C-alpha atoms as a PDB file:
ATOM      1  CA  MET A   1     -29.097 -73.393 -41.266  1.00  0.00           C
ATOM      2  CA  ASN A   2     -32.185 -71.584 -42.632  1.00  0.00           C
ATOM      3  CA  LEU A   3     -33.134 -70.852 -46.172  1.00  0.00           C
ATOM      4  CA  LYS A   4     -32.390 -67.379 -45.173  1.00  0.00           C
ATOM      5  CA  ALA A   5     -28.840 -68.113 -45.096  1.00  0.00           C
ATOM      6  CA  ILE A   6     -28.403 -68.962 -48.532  1.00  0.00           C
ATOM      7  CA  ASP A   7     -31.327 -67.191 -50.188  1.00  0.00           C
ATOM      8  CA  HIS A   8     -28.595 -65.243 -51.957  1.00  0.00           C
ATOM      9  CA  ILE A   9     -27.746 -68.333 -54.094  1.00  0.00           C
ATOM     10  CA  VAL A  10     -31.302 -68.332 -56.258  1.00  0.00           C
ATOM     11  CA  ASP A  11     -30.188 -64.836 -57.734  1.00  0.00           C
ATOM     12  CA  LEU A  12     -27.124 -66.773 -59.435  1.00  0.00           C
ATOM     13  CA  THR A  13     -26.892 -68.482 -62.609  1.00  0.00           C
ATOM     14  CA  LEU A  14     -26.391 -72.030 -62.871  1.00  0.00           C
ATOM     15  CA  GLU A  15     -22.631 -71.617 -63.945  1.00  0.00           C
ATOM     16  CA  GLU A  16     -22.231 -69.362 -60.698  1.00  0.00           C
ATOM     17  CA  MET A  17     -24.010 -71.576 -58.222  1.00  0.00           C
ATOM     18  CA  VAL A  18     -21.783 -74.442 -59.392  1.00  0.00           C
ATOM     19  CA  VAL A  19     -18.590 -72.108 -58.816  1.00  0.00           C
ATOM     20  CA  ALA A  20     -20.474 -71.413 -55.372  1.00  0.00           C
ATOM     21  CA  LEU A  21     -21.196 -75.325 -54.675  1.00  0.00           C
ATOM     22  CA  ALA A  22     -17.076 -75.930 -55.367  1.00  0.00           C
ATOM     23  CA  ASP A  23     -15.910 -73.194 -53.418  1.00  0.00           C
ATOM     24  CA  ALA A  24     -18.209 -74.299 -50.177  1.00  0.00           C
ATOM     25  CA  ARG A  25     -17.183 -77.992 -50.750  1.00  0.00           C
ATOM     26  CA  ALA A  26     -13.291 -77.011 -50.532  1.00  0.00           C
ATOM     27  CA  ALA A  27     -14.200 -74.781 -47.505  1.00  0.00           C
ATOM     28  CA  LEU A  28     -15.847 -77.509 -45.866  1.00  0.00           C
ATOM     29  CA  LYS A  29     -12.876 -79.986 -46.724  1.00  0.00           C
ATOM     30  CA  ALA A  30     -10.513 -77.602 -45.238  1.00  0.00           C
ATOM     31  CA  GLN A  31     -12.701 -77.291 -41.848  1.00  0.00           C
ATOM     32  CA  GLU A  32     -12.941 -80.947 -41.507  1.00  0.00           C
ATOM     33  CA  GLU A  33      -9.044 -81.378 -42.111  1.00  0.00           C
ATOM     34  CA  LEU A  34      -8.667 -78.682 -39.572  1.00  0.00           C
ATOM     35  CA  VAL A  35     -11.279 -80.410 -36.720  1.00  0.00           C
ATOM     36  CA  TRP A  36      -9.366 -83.573 -37.479  1.00  0.00           C
ATOM     37  CA  TYR A  37      -5.563 -81.918 -36.685  1.00  0.00           C
ATOM     38  CA  ILE A  38      -7.100 -79.932 -33.323  1.00  0.00           C
ATOM     39  CA  GLU A  39      -8.779 -83.044 -32.130  1.00  0.00           C
ATOM     40  CA  ARG A  40      -5.245 -84.991 -32.211  1.00  0.00           C
ATOM     41  CA  ALA A  41      -3.511 -82.295 -30.775  1.00  0.00           C
ATOM     42  CA  ALA A  42      -6.308 -82.154 -28.026  1.00  0.00           C
ATOM     43  CA  ILE A  43      -6.213 -85.899 -26.909  1.00  0.00           C
ATOM     44  CA  GLU A  44      -2.395 -85.991 -26.987  1.00  0.00           C
ATOM     45  CA  GLY A  45      -2.576 -83.108 -24.917  1.00  0.00           C
ATOM     46  CA  MET A  46      -5.065 -84.529 -22.542  1.00  0.00           C
ATOM     47  CA  ARG A  47      -2.868 -87.834 -22.567  1.00  0.00           C
ATOM     48  CA  GLU A  48       0.031 -85.949 -21.638  1.00  0.00           C
ATOM     49  CA  ARG A  49      -1.780 -84.149 -18.598  1.00  0.00           C
ATOM     50  CA  GLY A  50      -3.412 -87.461 -17.794  1.00  0.00           C
ATOM     51  CA  ALA A  51      -7.247 -85.672 -18.075  1.00  0.00           C
ATOM     52  CA  THR A  52     -10.081 -87.325 -18.983  1.00  0.00           C
ATOM     53  CA  VAL A  53     -12.125 -84.222 -18.653  1.00  0.00           C
ATOM     54  CA  VAL A  54     -11.379 -80.191 -19.997  1.00  0.00           C
ATOM     55  CA  LYS A  55     -13.910 -77.907 -19.283  1.00  0.00           C
ATOM     56  CA  THR A  56     -14.076 -74.518 -21.073  1.00  0.00           C
ATOM     57  CA  GLU A  57     -16.689 -71.570 -21.335  1.00  0.00           C
ATOM     58  CA  ALA A  58     -16.997 -72.721 -24.950  1.00  0.00           C
ATOM     59  CA  GLY A  59     -17.607 -76.594 -23.961  1.00  0.00           C
ATOM     60  CA  GLN A  60     -15.818 -79.591 -22.594  1.00  0.00           C
ATOM     61  CA  ALA A  61     -13.769 -82.108 -24.221  1.00  0.00           C
ATOM     62  CA  ARG A  62     -14.060 -85.817 -22.993  1.00  0.00           C
ATOM     63  CA  LEU A  63     -11.398 -88.492 -23.376  1.00  0.00           C
ATOM     64  CA  VAL A  64     -12.931 -92.135 -23.495  1.00  0.00           C
ATOM     65  CA  THR A  65     -10.747 -94.707 -23.735  1.00  0.00           C
ATOM     66  CA  PRO A  66     -11.759 -97.989 -25.287  1.00  0.00           C
ATOM     67  CA  VAL A  67     -12.294-100.731 -22.549  1.00  0.00           C
ATOM     68  CA  SER A  68     -11.037-104.456 -23.787  1.00  0.00           C
END
């Protein structure tokens, strides 16, 4: 992210900035929860398939199991 991405914030009042901050934190928390659930589902799916790597155009997921 660069300064231009948040440049509009400087035109807000302090109260509006606090609201924007609270909204951004709530959105971040929701995204973190979504990532956690998707990761769990991907891990379960990979285990069911016996896959250690799944490649797509967007990237790849690698299932790494701990060595004991």
